[in-house]
Amino acid sequence: MKHLFILVISVVLCVACNNNKKEYVPVNTEQETKTPLYHKTAKDKEAQPDIHVDKAPDGITIAELYKNRNDYANKTVIIRGQVVKINNGIINRNWVHLKDGTSEDGKSDLTFTTQAEVNVGDIVTFEGVVALDKEYGKGYVYPLVVENASIK
């Protein structure tokens, strides 16, 4: 009888635990989220005002980088754009998303890692090294990211 009681309690607890599982949803604010790896959120899909930023001298556009990503792997690039999202202090760096008004195959947002502090809406020129299929741990991979960027 004692074993049957323990078995029933165990089943009830297992069912209760499974019913109370909560899906992790990152907290989004205009300036920061808990992780940079959830950068395809509903907020990002909302329509943004038209952005058009002229290409930096000696620079390339975001579309050019996406189109020729393999040619730029492990090379330093210069890109100017408007800051559309920031995730500060994640893995000891700031994650800045830029758009310049260009796109390639539907991709128009480019992520930079930097120590620089910028604000949403700023027009900045970054210089950094292109990394392809960069894994930052726990299985999160960025197909294209510009690392260790500095303001030029």
N, C-alpha and C. Protein backbone atom coordinates (compact mmCIF):
# COMPACT_ATOMS: atom_id res chain seq x y z
N MET A 1 0.83 -1.19 0.00
CA MET A 1 0.00 0.00 0.00
C MET A 1 0.87 1.26 0.00
N LYS A 2 1.93 1.23 0.79
CA LYS A 2 2.83 2.36 0.86
C LYS A 2 3.48 2.62 -0.51
N HIS A 3 3.86 1.54 -1.20
CA HIS A 3 4.48 1.67 -2.52
C HIS A 3 3.49 2.22 -3.54
N LEU A 4 2.26 1.82 -3.46
CA LEU A 4 1.23 2.32 -4.37
C LEU A 4 1.01 3.80 -4.15
N PHE A 5 0.99 4.22 -2.90
CA PHE A 5 0.82 5.64 -2.58
C PHE A 5 1.98 6.46 -3.16
N ILE A 6 3.21 5.99 -3.00
CA ILE A 6 4.38 6.69 -3.53
C ILE A 6 4.32 6.75 -5.06
N LEU A 7 3.90 5.67 -5.68
CA LEU A 7 3.78 5.64 -7.14
C LEU A 7 2.75 6.65 -7.62
N VAL A 8 1.61 6.74 -6.99
CA VAL A 8 0.57 7.69 -7.37
C VAL A 8 1.06 9.13 -7.20
N ILE A 9 1.69 9.41 -6.08
CA ILE A 9 2.23 10.76 -5.84
C ILE A 9 3.27 11.11 -6.91
N SER A 10 4.15 10.16 -7.26
CA SER A 10 5.17 10.40 -8.28
C SER A 10 4.55 10.74 -9.62
N VAL A 11 3.53 10.00 -10.01
CA VAL A 11 2.86 10.25 -11.29
C VAL A 11 2.20 11.63 -11.29
N VAL A 12 1.53 11.96 -10.19
CA VAL A 12 0.87 13.26 -10.09
C VAL A 12 1.89 14.39 -10.19
N LEU A 13 3.02 14.26 -9.52
CA LEU A 13 4.06 15.28 -9.58
C LEU A 13 4.65 15.40 -10.98
N CYS A 14 4.87 14.29 -11.65
CA CYS A 14 5.41 14.33 -13.02
C CYS A 14 4.45 15.03 -13.97
N VAL A 15 3.17 14.71 -13.85
CA VAL A 15 2.17 15.35 -14.71
C VAL A 15 2.12 16.84 -14.41
N ALA A 16 2.15 17.20 -13.14
CA ALA A 16 2.09 18.61 -12.76
C ALA A 16 3.32 19.36 -13.28
N CYS A 17 4.49 18.75 -13.18
CA CYS A 17 5.71 19.40 -13.67
C CYS A 17 5.66 19.61 -15.18
N ASN A 18 5.19 18.63 -15.92
CA ASN A 18 5.12 18.75 -17.37
C ASN A 18 4.10 19.79 -17.81
N ASN A 19 3.04 19.96 -17.06
CA ASN A 19 2.02 20.95 -17.41
C ASN A 19 2.46 22.37 -17.08
N ASN A 20 3.44 22.53 -16.21
CA ASN A 20 3.88 23.85 -15.80
C ASN A 20 5.15 24.32 -16.51
N LYS A 21 5.60 23.58 -17.52
CA LYS A 21 6.79 24.01 -18.24
C LYS A 21 6.50 25.31 -18.96
N LYS A 22 7.42 26.23 -18.86
CA LYS A 22 7.25 27.53 -19.50
C LYS A 22 8.33 27.69 -20.56
N GLU A 23 7.92 28.16 -21.72
CA GLU A 23 8.86 28.41 -22.79
C GLU A 23 9.59 29.71 -22.49
N TYR A 24 10.92 29.69 -22.66
CA TYR A 24 11.71 30.89 -22.44
C TYR A 24 11.48 31.85 -23.60
N VAL A 25 11.08 33.04 -23.27
CA VAL A 25 10.93 34.10 -24.27
C VAL A 25 11.80 35.25 -23.81
N PRO A 26 12.78 35.64 -24.63
CA PRO A 26 13.67 36.72 -24.19
C PRO A 26 12.91 38.02 -24.02
N VAL A 27 13.37 38.80 -23.06
CA VAL A 27 12.77 40.10 -22.80
C VAL A 27 13.35 41.08 -23.80
N ASN A 28 12.49 41.75 -24.56
CA ASN A 28 12.97 42.71 -25.55
C ASN A 28 12.68 44.12 -25.08
N THR A 29 13.68 44.97 -25.15
CA THR A 29 13.50 46.39 -24.97
C THR A 29 14.18 47.05 -26.15
N GLU A 30 14.03 48.32 -26.29
CA GLU A 30 14.65 48.99 -27.43
C GLU A 30 16.16 48.93 -27.36
N GLN A 31 16.74 48.90 -26.18
CA GLN A 31 18.19 48.97 -26.04
C GLN A 31 18.85 47.62 -25.78
N GLU A 32 18.12 46.64 -25.21
CA GLU A 32 18.83 45.45 -24.76
C GLU A 32 17.90 44.25 -24.67
N THR A 33 18.43 43.05 -24.95
CA THR A 33 17.73 41.81 -24.67
C THR A 33 18.65 40.93 -23.86
N LYS A 34 18.12 39.86 -23.32
CA LYS A 34 18.91 38.98 -22.48
C LYS A 34 19.96 38.22 -23.28
N THR A 35 19.75 38.00 -24.57
CA THR A 35 20.71 37.28 -25.38
C THR A 35 20.67 37.78 -26.81
N PRO A 36 21.83 37.88 -27.45
CA PRO A 36 21.86 38.38 -28.82
C PRO A 36 21.46 37.32 -29.82
N LEU A 37 21.23 36.12 -29.37
CA LEU A 37 21.02 35.03 -30.28
C LEU A 37 19.56 34.87 -30.68
N TYR A 38 18.69 35.70 -30.15
CA TYR A 38 17.29 35.70 -30.54
C TYR A 38 17.01 36.94 -31.37
N HIS A 39 17.82 37.20 -32.38
CA HIS A 39 17.68 38.45 -33.10
C HIS A 39 16.63 38.42 -34.20
N LYS A 40 15.86 37.35 -34.34
CA LYS A 40 14.75 37.31 -35.28
C LYS A 40 13.44 37.27 -34.49
N THR A 41 13.16 38.35 -33.81
CA THR A 41 11.97 38.43 -32.99
C THR A 41 10.85 39.12 -33.75
N ALA A 42 9.66 39.07 -33.21
CA ALA A 42 8.52 39.72 -33.84
C ALA A 42 8.78 41.21 -34.00
N LYS A 43 9.44 41.82 -33.01
CA LYS A 43 9.72 43.25 -33.09
C LYS A 43 10.60 43.55 -34.29
N ASP A 44 11.59 42.68 -34.57
CA ASP A 44 12.48 42.90 -35.70
C ASP A 44 11.73 42.80 -37.02
N LYS A 45 10.65 42.03 -37.06
CA LYS A 45 9.90 41.84 -38.29
C LYS A 45 8.93 42.98 -38.56
N GLU A 46 8.72 43.85 -37.56
CA GLU A 46 7.84 44.98 -37.76
C GLU A 46 8.42 45.92 -38.80
N ALA A 47 7.56 46.61 -39.50
CA ALA A 47 8.03 47.56 -40.50
C ALA A 47 8.83 48.66 -39.83
N GLN A 48 9.96 48.98 -40.41
CA GLN A 48 10.78 50.08 -39.91
C GLN A 48 10.76 51.17 -40.97
N PRO A 49 10.98 52.40 -40.56
CA PRO A 49 11.01 53.47 -41.56
C PRO A 49 12.12 53.18 -42.58
N ASP A 50 11.93 53.73 -43.77
CA ASP A 50 12.95 53.55 -44.80
C ASP A 50 14.28 54.07 -44.31
N ILE A 51 15.30 53.27 -44.51
CA ILE A 51 16.65 53.64 -44.11
C ILE A 51 17.49 53.73 -45.38
N HIS A 52 18.22 54.81 -45.51
CA HIS A 52 19.18 54.93 -46.60
C HIS A 52 20.40 55.66 -46.06
N VAL A 53 21.50 54.94 -46.01
CA VAL A 53 22.75 55.49 -45.52
C VAL A 53 23.79 55.30 -46.62
N ASP A 54 24.47 56.38 -46.98
CA ASP A 54 25.50 56.30 -48.01
C ASP A 54 26.65 55.40 -47.57
N LYS A 55 27.23 54.70 -48.54
CA LYS A 55 28.36 53.82 -48.28
C LYS A 55 29.55 54.64 -47.80
N ALA A 56 30.28 54.09 -46.84
CA ALA A 56 31.47 54.76 -46.30
C ALA A 56 32.59 54.77 -47.35
N PRO A 57 33.42 55.81 -47.34
CA PRO A 57 34.59 55.79 -48.23
C PRO A 57 35.42 54.52 -47.94
N ASP A 58 35.84 53.84 -48.98
CA ASP A 58 36.60 52.59 -48.86
C ASP A 58 35.78 51.48 -48.20
N GLY A 59 34.47 51.67 -48.12
CA GLY A 59 33.61 50.68 -47.48
C GLY A 59 32.78 49.90 -48.47
N ILE A 60 31.97 49.01 -47.93
CA ILE A 60 31.03 48.22 -48.73
C ILE A 60 29.65 48.34 -48.10
N THR A 61 28.63 47.93 -48.83
CA THR A 61 27.28 47.94 -48.28
C THR A 61 26.99 46.58 -47.63
N ILE A 62 25.93 46.55 -46.86
CA ILE A 62 25.51 45.29 -46.24
C ILE A 62 25.14 44.28 -47.32
N ALA A 63 24.47 44.73 -48.38
CA ALA A 63 24.11 43.83 -49.49
C ALA A 63 25.35 43.24 -50.15
N GLU A 64 26.37 44.07 -50.35
CA GLU A 64 27.61 43.57 -50.97
C GLU A 64 28.25 42.49 -50.10
N LEU A 65 28.21 42.69 -48.79
CA LEU A 65 28.80 41.69 -47.89
C LEU A 65 28.01 40.38 -47.95
N TYR A 66 26.68 40.47 -47.87
CA TYR A 66 25.88 39.24 -47.94
C TYR A 66 26.06 38.54 -49.29
N LYS A 67 26.13 39.30 -50.36
CA LYS A 67 26.25 38.71 -51.70
C LYS A 67 27.60 38.01 -51.89
N ASN A 68 28.65 38.58 -51.32
CA ASN A 68 30.02 38.06 -51.51
C ASN A 68 30.64 37.60 -50.20
N ARG A 69 29.82 37.04 -49.33
CA ARG A 69 30.28 36.71 -47.97
C ARG A 69 31.55 35.87 -47.95
N ASN A 70 31.67 34.89 -48.83
CA ASN A 70 32.86 34.03 -48.82
C ASN A 70 34.12 34.80 -49.20
N ASP A 71 33.99 35.80 -50.06
CA ASP A 71 35.15 36.60 -50.45
C ASP A 71 35.67 37.46 -49.30
N TYR A 72 34.78 37.80 -48.37
CA TYR A 72 35.16 38.66 -47.26
C TYR A 72 35.50 37.91 -45.97
N ALA A 73 35.40 36.59 -45.98
CA ALA A 73 35.67 35.80 -44.77
C ALA A 73 37.05 36.11 -44.22
N ASN A 74 37.11 36.38 -42.93
CA ASN A 74 38.35 36.67 -42.20
C ASN A 74 39.06 37.94 -42.68
N LYS A 75 38.35 38.80 -43.40
CA LYS A 75 38.93 40.05 -43.87
C LYS A 75 38.29 41.22 -43.13
N THR A 76 39.01 42.32 -43.08
CA THR A 76 38.51 43.53 -42.45
C THR A 76 37.64 44.29 -43.45
N VAL A 77 36.46 44.72 -42.97
CA VAL A 77 35.53 45.49 -43.80
C VAL A 77 35.16 46.77 -43.08
N ILE A 78 34.72 47.74 -43.86
CA ILE A 78 34.20 49.01 -43.34
C ILE A 78 32.78 49.14 -43.84
N ILE A 79 31.85 49.33 -42.90
CA ILE A 79 30.43 49.45 -43.24
C ILE A 79 29.80 50.57 -42.43
N ARG A 80 29.03 51.40 -43.11
CA ARG A 80 28.29 52.48 -42.45
C ARG A 80 26.81 52.11 -42.48
N GLY A 81 26.14 52.38 -41.36
CA GLY A 81 24.71 52.09 -41.30
C GLY A 81 24.07 52.77 -40.11
N GLN A 82 22.76 52.54 -40.01
CA GLN A 82 21.99 53.08 -38.89
C GLN A 82 21.77 51.98 -37.87
N VAL A 83 22.00 52.31 -36.61
CA VAL A 83 21.80 51.35 -35.52
C VAL A 83 20.30 51.12 -35.35
N VAL A 84 19.88 49.85 -35.48
CA VAL A 84 18.46 49.52 -35.34
C VAL A 84 18.18 48.68 -34.10
N LYS A 85 19.24 48.11 -33.50
CA LYS A 85 19.05 47.31 -32.29
C LYS A 85 20.40 47.16 -31.59
N ILE A 86 20.34 47.10 -30.26
CA ILE A 86 21.56 46.95 -29.46
C ILE A 86 21.30 45.92 -28.36
N ASN A 87 22.30 45.08 -28.13
CA ASN A 87 22.29 44.16 -27.00
C ASN A 87 23.62 44.36 -26.29
N ASN A 88 23.62 45.12 -25.21
CA ASN A 88 24.86 45.49 -24.53
C ASN A 88 25.29 44.45 -23.50
N GLY A 89 26.60 44.28 -23.39
CA GLY A 89 27.19 43.49 -22.31
C GLY A 89 26.93 42.00 -22.37
N ILE A 90 26.73 41.44 -23.56
CA ILE A 90 26.52 40.00 -23.69
C ILE A 90 27.86 39.37 -24.09
N ILE A 91 28.31 38.40 -23.32
CA ILE A 91 29.60 37.74 -23.53
C ILE A 91 30.71 38.80 -23.64
N ASN A 92 30.66 39.77 -22.74
CA ASN A 92 31.68 40.82 -22.64
C ASN A 92 31.83 41.67 -23.90
N ARG A 93 30.75 41.86 -24.63
CA ARG A 93 30.77 42.73 -25.80
C ARG A 93 29.38 43.27 -26.06
N ASN A 94 29.32 44.30 -26.86
CA ASN A 94 28.03 44.86 -27.28
C ASN A 94 27.72 44.32 -28.68
N TRP A 95 26.45 43.99 -28.89
CA TRP A 95 25.99 43.44 -30.17
C TRP A 95 25.13 44.51 -30.82
N VAL A 96 25.62 45.03 -31.93
CA VAL A 96 24.95 46.15 -32.59
C VAL A 96 24.46 45.69 -33.95
N HIS A 97 23.19 45.97 -34.23
CA HIS A 97 22.58 45.63 -35.52
C HIS A 97 22.48 46.89 -36.37
N LEU A 98 23.04 46.83 -37.57
CA LEU A 98 22.99 47.96 -38.50
C LEU A 98 22.18 47.61 -39.73
N LYS A 99 21.56 48.65 -40.30
CA LYS A 99 20.94 48.58 -41.61
C LYS A 99 21.41 49.80 -42.39
N ASP A 100 21.61 49.61 -43.69
CA ASP A 100 22.03 50.75 -44.53
C ASP A 100 21.06 51.02 -45.67
N GLY A 101 19.98 50.27 -45.74
CA GLY A 101 19.00 50.45 -46.80
C GLY A 101 19.18 49.50 -47.96
N THR A 102 20.25 48.67 -47.91
CA THR A 102 20.46 47.68 -48.97
C THR A 102 20.10 46.31 -48.42
N SER A 103 19.84 45.38 -49.33
CA SER A 103 19.56 44.01 -48.90
C SER A 103 19.95 43.04 -50.01
N GLU A 104 20.21 41.84 -49.61
CA GLU A 104 20.55 40.76 -50.54
C GLU A 104 19.79 39.52 -50.10
N ASP A 105 18.95 39.03 -50.99
CA ASP A 105 18.17 37.82 -50.71
C ASP A 105 17.37 37.97 -49.41
N GLY A 106 16.82 39.17 -49.20
CA GLY A 106 15.99 39.43 -48.02
C GLY A 106 16.76 39.72 -46.75
N LYS A 107 18.07 39.76 -46.80
CA LYS A 107 18.88 40.03 -45.61
C LYS A 107 19.35 41.47 -45.65
N SER A 108 18.97 42.23 -44.63
CA SER A 108 19.34 43.65 -44.60
C SER A 108 19.92 44.08 -43.26
N ASP A 109 19.87 43.22 -42.26
CA ASP A 109 20.34 43.52 -40.90
C ASP A 109 21.67 42.80 -40.70
N LEU A 110 22.68 43.54 -40.26
CA LEU A 110 23.99 42.94 -40.04
C LEU A 110 24.40 43.18 -38.59
N THR A 111 24.91 42.13 -37.94
CA THR A 111 25.30 42.20 -36.55
C THR A 111 26.81 42.42 -36.42
N PHE A 112 27.18 43.34 -35.52
CA PHE A 112 28.57 43.65 -35.21
C PHE A 112 28.80 43.41 -33.72
N THR A 113 29.96 42.86 -33.36
CA THR A 113 30.34 42.83 -31.95
C THR A 113 31.36 43.94 -31.76
N THR A 114 31.24 44.65 -30.64
CA THR A 114 32.08 45.82 -30.41
C THR A 114 32.14 46.15 -28.93
N GLN A 115 33.12 46.95 -28.57
CA GLN A 115 33.18 47.53 -27.23
C GLN A 115 32.62 48.95 -27.24
N ALA A 116 32.37 49.47 -28.43
CA ALA A 116 31.85 50.83 -28.57
C ALA A 116 30.42 50.91 -28.03
N GLU A 117 30.06 52.06 -27.52
CA GLU A 117 28.70 52.29 -27.05
C GLU A 117 28.00 53.25 -28.00
N VAL A 118 26.90 52.78 -28.57
CA VAL A 118 26.13 53.57 -29.52
C VAL A 118 24.67 53.51 -29.11
N ASN A 119 23.84 54.30 -29.78
CA ASN A 119 22.41 54.35 -29.47
C ASN A 119 21.61 53.99 -30.70
N VAL A 120 20.42 53.44 -30.48
CA VAL A 120 19.51 53.16 -31.58
C VAL A 120 19.24 54.47 -32.30
N GLY A 121 19.34 54.43 -33.63
CA GLY A 121 19.13 55.62 -34.46
C GLY A 121 20.41 56.28 -34.91
N ASP A 122 21.53 56.02 -34.21
CA ASP A 122 22.82 56.60 -34.60
C ASP A 122 23.24 56.09 -35.98
N ILE A 123 23.90 56.95 -36.75
CA ILE A 123 24.56 56.54 -37.98
C ILE A 123 26.03 56.36 -37.63
N VAL A 124 26.55 55.14 -37.82
CA VAL A 124 27.93 54.84 -37.44
C VAL A 124 28.66 54.14 -38.58
N THR A 125 29.97 54.25 -38.56
CA THR A 125 30.82 53.51 -39.48
C THR A 125 31.68 52.58 -38.64
N PHE A 126 31.53 51.28 -38.90
CA PHE A 126 32.30 50.28 -38.17
C PHE A 126 33.34 49.65 -39.08
N GLU A 127 34.47 49.32 -38.48
CA GLU A 127 35.51 48.54 -39.14
C GLU A 127 35.75 47.30 -38.29
N GLY A 128 35.64 46.12 -38.90
CA GLY A 128 35.81 44.89 -38.15
C GLY A 128 36.09 43.72 -39.08
N VAL A 129 36.26 42.55 -38.49
CA VAL A 129 36.64 41.35 -39.23
C VAL A 129 35.41 40.45 -39.42
N VAL A 130 35.21 40.02 -40.66
CA VAL A 130 34.06 39.19 -41.02
C VAL A 130 34.29 37.75 -40.55
N ALA A 131 33.30 37.20 -39.86
CA ALA A 131 33.34 35.79 -39.45
C ALA A 131 32.12 35.09 -40.03
N LEU A 132 32.33 33.91 -40.56
CA LEU A 132 31.24 33.12 -41.13
C LEU A 132 30.97 31.91 -40.23
N ASP A 133 29.69 31.61 -40.07
CA ASP A 133 29.27 30.44 -39.29
C ASP A 133 29.95 30.39 -37.93
N LYS A 134 29.93 31.53 -37.26
CA LYS A 134 30.60 31.69 -35.97
C LYS A 134 29.71 31.16 -34.86
N GLU A 135 30.24 30.21 -34.09
CA GLU A 135 29.50 29.64 -32.97
C GLU A 135 29.95 30.32 -31.68
N TYR A 136 28.95 30.75 -30.91
CA TYR A 136 29.24 31.43 -29.64
C TYR A 136 28.87 30.59 -28.44
N GLY A 137 28.67 29.30 -28.63
CA GLY A 137 28.35 28.41 -27.53
C GLY A 137 26.89 28.00 -27.51
N LYS A 138 26.66 26.87 -26.88
CA LYS A 138 25.32 26.31 -26.71
C LYS A 138 24.60 26.13 -28.04
N GLY A 139 25.36 25.95 -29.12
CA GLY A 139 24.78 25.66 -30.41
C GLY A 139 24.31 26.87 -31.19
N TYR A 140 24.51 28.06 -30.66
CA TYR A 140 24.09 29.27 -31.37
C TYR A 140 25.14 29.66 -32.38
N VAL A 141 24.73 29.76 -33.65
CA VAL A 141 25.66 30.07 -34.73
C VAL A 141 25.16 31.29 -35.49
N TYR A 142 26.05 32.22 -35.73
CA TYR A 142 25.76 33.36 -36.59
C TYR A 142 26.34 33.04 -37.97
N PRO A 143 25.50 32.97 -39.00
CA PRO A 143 26.03 32.69 -40.34
C PRO A 143 26.98 33.78 -40.82
N LEU A 144 26.73 35.03 -40.39
CA LEU A 144 27.58 36.15 -40.80
C LEU A 144 27.56 37.19 -39.68
N VAL A 145 28.75 37.56 -39.20
CA VAL A 145 28.88 38.56 -38.15
C VAL A 145 30.20 39.29 -38.36
N VAL A 146 30.24 40.57 -38.00
CA VAL A 146 31.47 41.35 -38.07
C VAL A 146 31.95 41.52 -36.62
N GLU A 147 33.13 40.96 -36.34
CA GLU A 147 33.62 40.92 -34.96
C GLU A 147 34.64 42.01 -34.66
N ASN A 148 34.73 42.29 -33.35
CA ASN A 148 35.72 43.25 -32.83
C ASN A 148 35.70 44.56 -33.60
N ALA A 149 34.52 45.02 -33.90
CA ALA A 149 34.37 46.25 -34.69
C ALA A 149 34.69 47.48 -33.84
N SER A 150 35.28 48.45 -34.50
CA SER A 150 35.54 49.72 -33.85
C SER A 150 34.94 50.83 -34.72
N ILE A 151 34.62 51.94 -34.07
CA ILE A 151 34.05 53.07 -34.81
C ILE A 151 35.19 53.72 -35.59
N LYS A 152 34.93 53.95 -36.85
CA LYS A 152 35.95 54.53 -37.72
C LYS A 152 35.61 55.99 -37.97
